[in-house]
Amino acid sequence: MSNGTEQNSPVHKVWKPELYKIQLEAPTPKALLRDDDIKEDSFPDYYGYEYHGVMDHKQSETLLNDKCDGSYIVRRSPGATDYYTLSLRFNNRTKHYKIYYKPNASGGHFLKEDFKRFDTIHDLVADGLVNFYMQIHAAPIIQAMMSQTKSSYQQSPYMTLNRRKLRALSNDLRKSLKYDNQPPMNDNVASITTSLTTALLTNSTETKATNAQKQNEENMNHLNTNGQSQVSIGADDIDVLPVVYQKSHKFKIHTFKGLNWCELCANFLWGFTAQGVKCEDCGFIAHNKCSELVPAKCVPDMKKIRGVFGSDLTIVVTLHQCTIPFVVRRCVEEVEARGMLQEGIYRVSGFADEIDALKLALDRHGEKTDMSESAYSNINVVAGTLKLYLRLLPVPLITYHAYPTFIQSTSCTSVGEQVIKMREAVKQLPPAHFNCLKFVIEHLNRVSSHHAVNKMTEHNIATVFAPTLIATPPHLTDLSQEIFVLTSLITHCQAVFMN
């Protein structure tokens, strides 16, 4: 940072410029150009005068022997068919790499599939030189990043810059949940009565690096991870604030423009392309390896959320500071007020255009949406809207992770064993999914209690809701197991969801 940075600026405290300074010292690409034309039947027109035709490695080393670091040529190795060779001078040695090119939209120059792509060979070499240079000259800093034990999520740039905002959010949550008498969810989430920002500002003791450091390779992807920061998420300096909150970040490889640093370890994201990852929901920036240590406490940016239909369940309950999404709660209230005795409730479809209109209204007006009988006289429209909301969840209410345990319950030999297995399964659900599933299943149990009139037994309801609530594999057409699971869940909901 410049000397003009204010002494009390939080940026001054979090930005570590050492790696950026080292990157500036790295050698730059210097193409060694040929001085004559090359006559080849298959001349690669995507290379220029840096291409020297057919040449073996000894000839290329002779050509580059007295050249400065960063000098390079492109050649075709004798006998090569589907690749060309980059010969590059670095640290008084000549290195050789197979390089490829694809002209399509996602193509470019690259070393191997599923790796960084570059518009030009110059860019590929520049990025490689930086990584080589960092490997040698930044090794002590990277090693310190790897061995940190005191630096924590608490002291990360993200928390330094956002602590005040998160504390204010926490106070709002404390007020909104003050009169919420929801019972604790389960053993795994015993502290559900503490709130969202507790988990944001405190430690997740289960957060550990899941991948060991890969063996060093003498290749340009040696430091593609941009530093394997083994920063532990310490439990010191815990701010106890009010709802255990879990939502995984949606990290995607990202190419950053300008100066950017990791929001966990505060070190510079070096390189020129695909330097790190960025969360699509909250914008958290990190090195690839640092991202593995970031707790699952993603707080999405409200500006990135458009409506509630099709949005992640955890995001919705977080942004709206509620336990049950208002769409689910309002629809259930309407059905229980005027649809419990409706024959075929949830089985009979409402008019598609009216369901679309109600969906649009809920996305646009939220809690203020008029769902009364005067606005939607056909209760099947409200019931269909609830099914649509649950069907559009990116992660189904019964998640992919919990699905196998639910299916295992079908093989139990007694009702008691089956209930125990389903208790185990619901404990695997994220808090938002657990709360919503419990609310919906208990509602469906009440609906089925009127089956003599509405003709909707537990099995009939399960047949309707199985494809909506359960994360069934796409190729699966026989839903008999899923229907059995849901039937049992509705029938024995009090025992399964008991405290």
Protein backbone atom coordinates (compact mmCIF):
# COMPACT_ATOMS: atom_id res chain seq x y z
CA MET A 1 0.00 0.00 0.00
CA SER A 2 1.10 3.56 -0.50
CA ASN A 3 2.61 5.61 2.29
CA GLY A 4 -0.53 7.72 2.18
CA THR A 5 -2.64 4.97 3.75
CA GLU A 6 -4.23 6.24 6.93
CA GLN A 7 -2.70 4.77 10.04
CA ASN A 8 -6.08 3.70 11.43
CA SER A 9 -7.36 2.29 8.15
CA PRO A 10 -8.42 -1.35 8.45
CA VAL A 11 -6.87 -1.97 5.03
CA HIS A 12 -3.51 -0.94 6.46
CA LYS A 13 -3.86 -3.71 9.04
CA VAL A 14 -4.91 -6.53 6.73
CA TRP A 15 -2.92 -6.01 3.54
CA LYS A 16 0.40 -7.89 3.42
CA PRO A 17 2.30 -6.54 0.39
CA GLU A 18 5.43 -8.72 0.56
CA LEU A 19 4.32 -11.24 -2.07
CA TYR A 20 3.23 -8.44 -4.38
CA LYS A 21 6.68 -6.85 -4.13
CA ILE A 22 8.32 -10.18 -4.92
CA GLN A 23 6.09 -10.66 -7.96
CA LEU A 24 7.27 -7.31 -9.32
CA GLU A 25 10.85 -8.64 -9.26
CA ALA A 26 10.04 -11.74 -11.34
CA PRO A 27 11.59 -11.95 -14.83
CA THR A 28 9.38 -11.02 -17.75
CA PRO A 29 8.84 -12.98 -20.99
CA LYS A 30 11.30 -12.34 -23.82
CA ALA A 31 10.46 -14.24 -26.98
CA LEU A 32 13.52 -15.28 -29.01
CA LEU A 33 12.36 -14.64 -32.56
CA ARG A 34 13.51 -16.53 -35.64
CA ASP A 35 14.94 -14.47 -38.50
CA ASP A 36 13.62 -16.47 -41.43
CA ASP A 37 10.44 -18.07 -42.72
CA ILE A 38 9.55 -21.69 -41.98
CA LYS A 39 8.11 -23.98 -44.59
CA GLU A 40 5.96 -26.65 -42.96
CA ASP A 41 2.90 -28.46 -44.24
CA SER A 42 1.08 -27.83 -40.94
CA PHE A 43 2.50 -24.53 -39.77
CA PRO A 44 0.68 -23.41 -36.56
CA ASP A 45 -0.73 -20.02 -37.48
CA TYR A 46 -1.57 -19.29 -33.84
CA TYR A 47 2.18 -18.86 -33.17
CA GLY A 48 4.31 -16.06 -34.51
CA TYR A 49 8.05 -15.67 -34.94
CA GLU A 50 8.63 -17.26 -31.54
CA TYR A 51 7.98 -20.56 -33.34
CA HIS A 52 11.22 -22.15 -34.59
CA GLY A 53 9.94 -25.25 -36.36
CA VAL A 54 11.17 -28.79 -35.76
CA MET A 55 13.95 -28.77 -33.17
CA ASP A 56 15.08 -31.23 -30.52
CA HIS A 57 15.78 -30.26 -26.92
CA LYS A 58 19.56 -30.15 -27.33
CA GLN A 59 19.31 -27.68 -30.19
CA SER A 60 16.91 -25.52 -28.18
CA GLU A 61 19.20 -25.54 -25.16
CA THR A 62 22.11 -24.46 -27.35
CA LEU A 63 19.99 -21.64 -28.75
CA LEU A 64 18.91 -20.43 -25.28
CA ASN A 65 22.11 -21.19 -23.40
CA ASP A 66 23.43 -17.66 -23.12
CA LYS A 67 20.09 -15.90 -22.95
CA CYS A 68 18.61 -14.13 -19.91
CA ASP A 69 15.88 -15.52 -17.67
CA GLY A 70 12.46 -15.27 -19.30
CA SER A 71 13.74 -15.99 -22.81
CA TYR A 72 11.68 -18.62 -24.64
CA ILE A 73 10.91 -20.27 -27.95
CA VAL A 74 8.15 -22.54 -29.24
CA ARG A 75 9.19 -25.56 -31.27
CA ARG A 76 7.95 -28.90 -32.52
CA SER A 77 9.73 -31.86 -31.01
CA PRO A 78 10.73 -34.55 -33.53
CA GLY A 79 7.92 -37.11 -33.72
CA ALA A 80 5.39 -34.92 -31.85
CA THR A 81 1.89 -35.05 -33.30
CA ASP A 82 -0.69 -33.41 -31.01
CA TYR A 83 1.42 -30.91 -29.11
CA TYR A 84 4.21 -28.35 -29.41
CA THR A 85 7.02 -27.65 -26.97
CA LEU A 86 7.80 -24.51 -25.00
CA SER A 87 11.48 -24.12 -24.10
CA LEU A 88 11.98 -21.52 -21.40
CA ARG A 89 15.05 -20.11 -19.69
CA PHE A 90 14.82 -19.65 -15.93
CA ASN A 91 17.39 -19.66 -13.12
CA ASN A 92 20.20 -20.42 -15.60
CA ARG A 93 18.42 -23.54 -16.82
CA THR A 94 16.30 -24.38 -19.85
CA LYS A 95 12.97 -26.00 -19.05
CA HIS A 96 10.74 -27.78 -21.58
CA TYR A 97 6.95 -28.15 -21.51
CA LYS A 98 4.33 -29.68 -23.75
CA ILE A 99 1.84 -26.99 -24.77
CA TYR A 100 -1.55 -27.21 -26.45
CA TYR A 101 -3.99 -24.90 -28.14
CA LYS A 102 -7.76 -24.97 -28.65
CA PRO A 103 -9.46 -22.28 -30.72
CA ASN A 104 -13.00 -22.60 -29.30
CA ALA A 105 -14.67 -20.23 -26.84
CA SER A 106 -13.19 -21.93 -23.79
CA GLY A 107 -9.86 -22.57 -25.49
CA GLY A 108 -6.51 -20.85 -25.60
CA HIS A 109 -2.96 -21.90 -24.85
CA PHE A 110 -2.53 -24.35 -21.97
CA LEU A 111 -0.19 -26.95 -20.49
CA LYS A 112 -2.79 -29.64 -19.92
CA GLU A 113 -6.53 -30.14 -19.74
CA ASP A 114 -8.37 -28.72 -16.72
CA PHE A 115 -5.62 -26.14 -16.24
CA LYS A 116 -5.24 -22.43 -16.79
CA ARG A 117 -5.95 -21.15 -20.30
CA PHE A 118 -4.18 -18.14 -21.81
CA ASP A 119 -4.96 -15.93 -24.79
CA THR A 120 -1.30 -15.80 -25.83
CA ILE A 121 1.90 -17.71 -25.24
CA HIS A 122 3.33 -14.49 -23.79
CA ASP A 123 0.67 -14.55 -21.03
CA LEU A 124 1.30 -18.24 -20.33
CA VAL A 125 5.03 -17.64 -19.95
CA ALA A 126 4.51 -14.53 -17.79
CA ASP A 127 2.31 -16.44 -15.35
CA GLY A 128 4.76 -19.35 -15.23
CA LEU A 129 7.73 -17.09 -14.54
CA VAL A 130 5.93 -15.50 -11.62
CA ASN A 131 5.15 -18.91 -10.12
CA PHE A 132 8.74 -20.08 -10.61
CA TYR A 133 10.08 -16.94 -9.01
CA MET A 134 7.67 -17.13 -6.08
CA GLN A 135 8.66 -20.75 -5.52
CA ILE A 136 12.25 -19.69 -4.94
CA HIS A 137 12.09 -16.21 -3.44
CA ALA A 138 8.79 -16.32 -1.52
CA ALA A 139 9.32 -19.74 0.02
CA PRO A 140 9.81 -18.44 3.62
CA ILE A 141 6.61 -16.39 3.45
CA ILE A 142 4.61 -19.25 1.97
CA GLN A 143 6.02 -21.59 4.60
CA ALA A 144 4.92 -19.15 7.31
CA MET A 145 1.45 -19.11 5.76
CA MET A 146 1.40 -22.90 5.87
CA SER A 147 2.46 -23.13 9.50
CA GLN A 148 0.29 -20.42 11.04
CA THR A 149 -1.60 -21.48 14.14
CA LYS A 150 -2.49 -18.18 15.77
CA SER A 151 -4.02 -16.34 12.86
CA SER A 152 -7.68 -17.22 12.69
CA TYR A 153 -10.90 -16.43 10.94
CA GLN A 154 -11.46 -13.92 13.76
CA GLN A 155 -8.40 -11.92 12.72
CA SER A 156 -8.80 -12.37 8.98
CA PRO A 157 -9.23 -9.37 6.66
CA TYR A 158 -12.85 -10.42 6.14
CA MET A 159 -13.60 -10.15 9.85
CA THR A 160 -11.48 -7.03 10.31
CA LEU A 161 -13.46 -5.21 7.64
CA ASN A 162 -16.89 -6.66 8.44
CA ARG A 163 -16.97 -7.22 12.20
CA ARG A 164 -19.02 -4.10 12.96
CA LYS A 165 -21.56 -4.89 10.24
CA LEU A 166 -21.90 -8.49 11.41
CA ARG A 167 -22.31 -7.44 15.02
CA ALA A 168 -25.12 -5.08 14.01
CA LEU A 169 -26.73 -7.93 12.05
CA SER A 170 -26.39 -10.11 15.11
CA ASN A 171 -28.16 -7.61 17.32
CA ASP A 172 -31.03 -7.43 14.83
CA LEU A 173 -31.23 -11.22 14.81
CA ARG A 174 -31.24 -11.36 18.58
CA LYS A 175 -34.26 -9.07 18.66
CA SER A 176 -36.09 -10.94 15.91
CA LEU A 177 -35.52 -14.29 17.61
CA LYS A 178 -36.18 -13.13 21.16
CA TYR A 179 -39.69 -14.56 21.21
CA ASP A 180 -38.98 -17.55 19.00
CA ASN A 181 -39.70 -20.63 21.07
CA GLN A 182 -38.50 -23.18 18.51
CA PRO A 183 -37.10 -26.24 20.35
CA PRO A 184 -33.52 -27.38 19.76
CA MET A 185 -33.21 -29.28 16.48
CA ASN A 186 -31.08 -32.26 17.23
CA ASP A 187 -27.87 -33.44 18.86
CA ASN A 188 -25.72 -32.21 15.99
CA VAL A 189 -27.09 -28.70 16.23
CA ALA A 190 -27.56 -28.51 19.98
CA SER A 191 -26.83 -24.80 20.02
CA ILE A 192 -29.54 -23.86 17.55
CA THR A 193 -30.83 -21.29 20.04
CA THR A 194 -27.66 -19.29 19.52
CA SER A 195 -27.78 -17.21 16.37
CA LEU A 196 -26.44 -16.73 12.89
CA THR A 197 -23.57 -14.46 13.68
CA THR A 198 -22.25 -16.61 16.54
CA ALA A 199 -21.09 -19.03 13.92
CA LEU A 200 -19.94 -16.20 11.70
CA LEU A 201 -17.64 -14.76 14.34
CA THR A 202 -16.70 -17.94 16.18
CA ASN A 203 -14.84 -21.07 15.44
CA SER A 204 -16.04 -24.20 13.73
CA THR A 205 -13.86 -26.80 15.40
CA GLU A 206 -14.58 -29.26 12.64
CA THR A 207 -13.05 -26.95 10.02
CA LYS A 208 -9.85 -28.57 8.81
CA ALA A 209 -7.92 -28.72 5.59
CA THR A 210 -9.28 -31.67 3.64
CA ASN A 211 -6.43 -32.07 1.20
CA ALA A 212 -2.79 -32.68 2.00
CA GLN A 213 -0.13 -30.57 0.31
CA LYS A 214 0.61 -31.97 -3.14
CA GLN A 215 4.11 -33.06 -4.03
CA ASN A 216 6.18 -30.33 -5.68
CA GLU A 217 6.42 -30.66 -9.44
CA GLU A 218 8.83 -28.91 -11.75
CA ASN A 219 6.08 -27.47 -13.84
CA MET A 220 4.37 -24.16 -14.33
CA ASN A 221 1.47 -25.32 -12.19
CA HIS A 222 3.76 -25.81 -9.20
CA LEU A 223 2.15 -22.99 -7.31
CA ASN A 224 -1.22 -22.96 -9.05
CA THR A 225 -2.83 -23.12 -5.64
CA ASN A 226 -1.29 -19.70 -4.90
CA GLY A 227 -0.11 -20.70 -1.46
CA GLN A 228 -1.39 -23.52 0.71
CA SER A 229 -2.22 -21.50 3.76
CA GLN A 230 -2.76 -23.81 6.71
CA VAL A 231 -4.41 -21.15 8.83
CA SER A 232 -6.26 -22.73 11.71
CA ILE A 233 -9.62 -21.31 12.64
CA GLY A 234 -8.86 -20.57 16.24
CA ALA A 235 -11.32 -20.41 19.10
CA ASP A 236 -9.71 -17.40 20.74
CA ASP A 237 -11.40 -14.03 21.07
CA ILE A 238 -14.85 -15.52 20.56
CA ASP A 239 -17.72 -13.06 20.23
CA VAL A 240 -20.77 -14.84 21.59
CA LEU A 241 -23.71 -13.55 19.58
CA PRO A 242 -27.16 -14.90 18.96
CA VAL A 243 -28.53 -19.10 15.63
CA VAL A 244 -26.00 -21.57 14.55
CA TYR A 245 -25.75 -20.87 10.86
CA GLN A 246 -24.26 -23.05 8.18
CA LYS A 247 -24.09 -22.35 4.48
CA SER A 248 -21.23 -23.44 2.28
CA HIS A 249 -19.55 -20.88 0.08
CA LYS A 250 -19.93 -21.30 -3.70
CA PHE A 251 -16.24 -20.89 -4.55
CA LYS A 252 -15.33 -20.68 -8.24
CA ILE A 253 -11.92 -20.23 -9.85
CA HIS A 254 -11.62 -16.56 -10.72
CA THR A 255 -9.27 -14.30 -12.65
CA PHE A 256 -8.80 -11.07 -10.71
CA LYS A 257 -7.92 -7.69 -12.15
CA GLY A 258 -5.66 -5.35 -10.24
CA LEU A 259 -4.37 -5.98 -6.72
CA ASN A 260 -6.29 -8.54 -4.69
CA TRP A 261 -5.49 -10.45 -1.53
CA CYS A 262 -6.83 -13.48 0.29
CA GLU A 263 -9.51 -12.57 2.82
CA LEU A 264 -8.40 -15.37 5.13
CA CYS A 265 -4.59 -15.08 5.26
CA ALA A 266 -4.22 -11.48 3.91
CA ASN A 267 -1.51 -12.47 1.44
CA PHE A 268 -1.42 -11.31 -2.17
CA LEU A 269 -3.08 -13.40 -4.89
CA TRP A 270 -0.13 -13.64 -7.25
CA GLY A 271 -0.10 -14.50 -10.90
CA PHE A 272 -2.01 -13.10 -13.87
CA THR A 273 -4.93 -15.49 -14.31
CA ALA A 274 -6.97 -17.87 -12.14
CA GLN A 275 -5.11 -16.56 -9.09
CA GLY A 276 -7.70 -17.82 -6.60
CA VAL A 277 -11.38 -18.38 -5.93
CA LYS A 278 -14.37 -16.15 -5.25
CA CYS A 279 -17.69 -17.03 -3.63
CA GLU A 280 -20.54 -16.39 -6.05
CA ASP A 281 -22.95 -15.60 -3.20
CA CYS A 282 -21.02 -13.37 -0.80
CA GLY A 283 -17.89 -12.41 -2.75
CA PHE A 284 -15.35 -13.93 -0.30
CA ILE A 285 -11.92 -14.07 -2.02
CA ALA A 286 -9.25 -16.62 -1.13
CA HIS A 287 -6.35 -18.72 -2.36
CA ASN A 288 -7.50 -22.14 -3.53
CA LYS A 289 -6.12 -23.90 -0.48
CA CYS A 290 -7.18 -21.19 1.96
CA SER A 291 -10.75 -21.61 0.75
CA GLU A 292 -10.72 -25.15 2.15
CA LEU A 293 -10.32 -23.66 5.64
CA VAL A 294 -13.03 -21.03 5.42
CA PRO A 295 -15.97 -22.01 7.69
CA ALA A 296 -19.33 -22.70 6.06
CA LYS A 297 -20.69 -19.33 7.18
CA CYS A 298 -21.49 -17.68 3.88
CA VAL A 299 -23.59 -14.54 4.29
CA PRO A 300 -24.90 -13.76 0.81
CA ASP A 301 -25.12 -10.27 -0.56
CA MET A 302 -28.79 -9.29 -0.75
CA LYS A 303 -28.15 -7.64 -4.14
CA LYS A 304 -27.30 -11.06 -5.59
CA ILE A 305 -30.56 -12.68 -4.50
CA ARG A 306 -33.49 -12.22 -6.87
CA GLY A 307 -36.67 -13.42 -5.23
CA VAL A 308 -37.11 -16.53 -3.14
CA PHE A 309 -38.11 -19.15 -5.73
CA GLY A 310 -35.02 -21.01 -6.90
CA SER A 311 -32.82 -19.52 -4.16
CA ASP A 312 -30.89 -21.63 -1.67
CA LEU A 313 -32.99 -22.39 1.42
CA THR A 314 -30.28 -21.36 3.87
CA ILE A 315 -29.82 -18.06 2.05
CA VAL A 316 -33.55 -17.32 2.21
CA VAL A 317 -33.94 -17.95 5.95
CA THR A 318 -30.77 -15.96 6.64
CA LEU A 319 -31.67 -12.91 4.61
CA HIS A 320 -35.24 -12.88 5.90
CA GLN A 321 -34.14 -13.62 9.48
CA CYS A 322 -36.60 -16.46 9.97
CA THR A 323 -36.70 -20.17 10.78
CA ILE A 324 -39.21 -21.17 8.10
CA PRO A 325 -39.28 -19.44 4.67
CA PHE A 326 -42.27 -17.12 4.53
CA VAL A 327 -43.49 -18.80 1.32
CA VAL A 328 -43.75 -22.16 3.08
CA ARG A 329 -45.32 -20.69 6.21
CA ARG A 330 -47.91 -18.58 4.36
CA CYS A 331 -48.94 -21.41 2.02
CA VAL A 332 -49.30 -23.87 4.89
CA GLU A 333 -51.37 -21.37 6.87
CA GLU A 334 -53.74 -20.89 3.92
CA VAL A 335 -54.10 -24.62 3.27
CA GLU A 336 -54.78 -25.35 6.93
CA ALA A 337 -57.29 -22.51 7.09
CA ARG A 338 -59.38 -23.51 4.07
CA GLY A 339 -58.06 -26.63 2.38
CA MET A 340 -57.85 -29.46 4.89
CA LEU A 341 -61.18 -30.91 3.81
CA GLN A 342 -60.61 -30.25 0.10
CA GLU A 343 -60.73 -33.57 -1.75
CA GLY A 344 -57.42 -34.28 -3.44
CA ILE A 345 -55.56 -31.39 -1.79
CA TYR A 346 -51.95 -31.37 -3.14
CA ARG A 347 -52.91 -34.03 -5.70
CA VAL A 348 -55.27 -31.90 -7.77
CA SER A 349 -53.38 -29.24 -9.72
CA GLY A 350 -54.28 -25.57 -9.68
CA PHE A 351 -54.33 -23.42 -12.80
CA ALA A 352 -50.76 -22.94 -14.03
CA ASP A 353 -51.23 -19.27 -14.88
CA GLU A 354 -52.57 -18.51 -11.39
CA ILE A 355 -49.67 -20.40 -9.78
CA ASP A 356 -47.24 -18.36 -11.88
CA ALA A 357 -49.01 -15.16 -10.84
CA LEU A 358 -48.77 -16.07 -7.14
CA LYS A 359 -45.11 -17.04 -7.54
CA LEU A 360 -44.37 -13.65 -9.13
CA ALA A 361 -46.27 -11.84 -6.39
CA LEU A 362 -44.38 -13.67 -3.61
CA ASP A 363 -41.04 -12.90 -5.27
CA ARG A 364 -42.00 -9.26 -5.71
CA HIS A 365 -43.98 -8.42 -2.56
CA GLY A 366 -42.81 -11.06 -0.07
CA GLU A 367 -44.74 -11.22 3.20
CA LYS A 368 -47.20 -8.54 2.02
CA THR A 369 -48.60 -10.77 -0.73
CA ASP A 370 -52.38 -11.17 -0.55
CA MET A 371 -53.07 -14.94 -0.51
CA SER A 372 -56.58 -14.72 0.85
CA GLU A 373 -59.61 -16.44 -0.65
CA SER A 374 -60.65 -13.20 -2.32
CA ALA A 375 -57.34 -13.11 -4.22
CA TYR A 376 -56.97 -16.86 -4.88
CA SER A 377 -60.28 -18.62 -4.39
CA ASN A 378 -58.90 -21.97 -5.59
CA ILE A 379 -56.88 -23.39 -2.69
CA ASN A 380 -55.18 -25.78 -5.12
CA VAL A 381 -53.33 -22.75 -6.52
CA VAL A 382 -51.80 -22.08 -3.09
CA ALA A 383 -50.99 -25.78 -2.62
CA GLY A 384 -49.41 -25.90 -6.07
CA THR A 385 -47.31 -22.83 -5.28
CA LEU A 386 -45.92 -24.55 -2.19
CA LYS A 387 -45.00 -27.62 -4.24
CA LEU A 388 -43.40 -25.37 -6.88
CA TYR A 389 -41.27 -23.57 -4.28
CA LEU A 390 -40.01 -26.85 -2.84
CA ARG A 391 -39.40 -28.30 -6.31
CA LEU A 392 -37.29 -25.30 -7.36
CA LEU A 393 -34.92 -25.46 -4.38
CA PRO A 394 -31.34 -25.79 -5.73
CA VAL A 395 -30.66 -28.32 -2.96
CA PRO A 396 -33.78 -30.43 -2.24
CA LEU A 397 -35.27 -30.36 1.24
CA ILE A 398 -33.97 -33.90 1.84
CA THR A 399 -30.44 -33.30 0.64
CA TYR A 400 -28.12 -35.42 -1.46
CA HIS A 401 -25.96 -35.97 1.61
CA ALA A 402 -28.81 -37.28 3.79
CA TYR A 403 -30.55 -39.25 1.01
CA PRO A 404 -28.60 -42.55 1.44
CA THR A 405 -29.38 -42.74 5.17
CA PHE A 406 -33.09 -42.19 4.53
CA ILE A 407 -33.04 -44.98 1.93
CA GLN A 408 -31.23 -47.29 4.37
CA SER A 409 -34.21 -46.95 6.71
CA THR A 410 -36.34 -48.91 4.21
CA SER A 411 -34.38 -52.07 4.96
CA CYS A 412 -35.04 -51.97 8.72
CA THR A 413 -37.02 -54.93 10.01
CA SER A 414 -39.10 -53.06 12.58
CA VAL A 415 -40.77 -49.67 12.93
CA GLY A 416 -38.56 -48.87 15.93
CA GLU A 417 -35.37 -49.48 13.96
CA GLN A 418 -36.71 -47.47 11.06
CA VAL A 419 -37.50 -44.48 13.29
CA ILE A 420 -33.99 -44.62 14.77
CA LYS A 421 -32.46 -44.66 11.28
CA MET A 422 -34.61 -41.72 10.16
CA ARG A 423 -33.61 -39.78 13.29
CA GLU A 424 -30.03 -40.36 12.23
CA ALA A 425 -30.88 -39.16 8.71
CA VAL A 426 -32.56 -35.90 9.76
CA LYS A 427 -29.55 -35.06 11.91
CA GLN A 428 -27.51 -34.92 8.70
CA LEU A 429 -29.63 -32.07 7.33
CA PRO A 430 -28.45 -28.45 7.53
CA PRO A 431 -30.40 -26.44 10.15
CA ALA A 432 -32.56 -24.62 7.58
CA HIS A 433 -33.47 -27.91 5.87
CA PHE A 434 -34.19 -29.64 9.19
CA ASN A 435 -36.54 -26.88 10.37
CA CYS A 436 -38.37 -26.63 7.06
CA LEU A 437 -38.73 -30.41 6.64
CA LYS A 438 -40.08 -30.77 10.17
CA PHE A 439 -42.60 -27.96 9.54
CA VAL A 440 -43.76 -29.42 6.20
CA ILE A 441 -43.95 -33.04 7.38
CA GLU A 442 -45.95 -32.11 10.48
CA HIS A 443 -48.31 -30.16 8.22
CA LEU A 444 -48.70 -33.16 5.91
CA ASN A 445 -49.41 -35.33 8.93
CA ARG A 446 -52.28 -33.01 9.86
CA VAL A 447 -53.55 -33.11 6.27
CA SER A 448 -53.53 -36.92 6.30
CA SER A 449 -55.50 -36.97 9.56
CA HIS A 450 -58.50 -35.80 7.49
CA HIS A 451 -58.08 -38.52 4.85
CA ALA A 452 -61.63 -39.77 5.34
CA VAL A 453 -62.81 -36.52 3.75
CA ASN A 454 -59.91 -35.26 1.61
CA LYS A 455 -58.91 -38.75 0.39
CA MET A 456 -55.24 -37.99 1.04
CA THR A 457 -53.72 -40.78 3.12
CA GLU A 458 -50.05 -40.72 4.16
CA HIS A 459 -49.23 -42.90 1.15
CA ASN A 460 -51.17 -40.68 -1.26
CA ILE A 461 -49.43 -37.54 0.04
CA ALA A 462 -46.03 -39.26 -0.08
CA THR A 463 -46.65 -40.23 -3.71
CA VAL A 464 -47.26 -36.57 -4.56
CA PHE A 465 -44.35 -35.12 -2.57
CA ALA A 466 -41.60 -37.75 -3.02
CA PRO A 467 -40.23 -36.28 -6.29
CA THR A 468 -40.37 -32.79 -4.76
CA LEU A 469 -38.85 -33.31 -1.32
CA ILE A 470 -36.25 -36.00 -1.93
CA ALA A 471 -32.99 -35.66 -3.86
CA THR A 472 -33.61 -38.59 -6.16
CA PRO A 473 -30.97 -39.44 -8.80
CA PRO A 474 -31.98 -38.09 -12.26
CA HIS A 475 -32.11 -41.53 -13.87
CA LEU A 476 -34.35 -43.04 -11.17
CA THR A 477 -37.90 -43.83 -12.32
CA ASP A 478 -39.01 -46.25 -9.59
CA LEU A 479 -39.74 -44.11 -6.53
CA SER A 480 -41.20 -46.88 -4.40
CA GLN A 481 -38.44 -46.59 -1.78
CA GLU A 482 -38.74 -42.82 -1.65
CA ILE A 483 -42.51 -43.03 -1.28
CA PHE A 484 -42.09 -45.59 1.51
CA VAL A 485 -39.61 -43.31 3.31
CA LEU A 486 -41.88 -40.28 3.06
CA THR A 487 -44.95 -42.27 4.11
CA SER A 488 -43.12 -43.43 7.23
CA LEU A 489 -41.79 -39.96 7.88
CA ILE A 490 -45.33 -38.49 7.79
CA THR A 491 -46.77 -41.31 9.89
CA HIS A 492 -44.07 -41.25 12.58
CA CYS A 493 -43.10 -37.57 12.41
CA GLN A 494 -43.56 -36.97 16.15
CA ALA A 495 -41.15 -39.80 16.99
CA VAL A 496 -38.62 -38.86 14.29
CA PHE A 497 -38.47 -35.16 15.12
CA MET A 498 -38.81 -35.49 18.87
CA ASN A 499 -36.34 -33.47 20.94
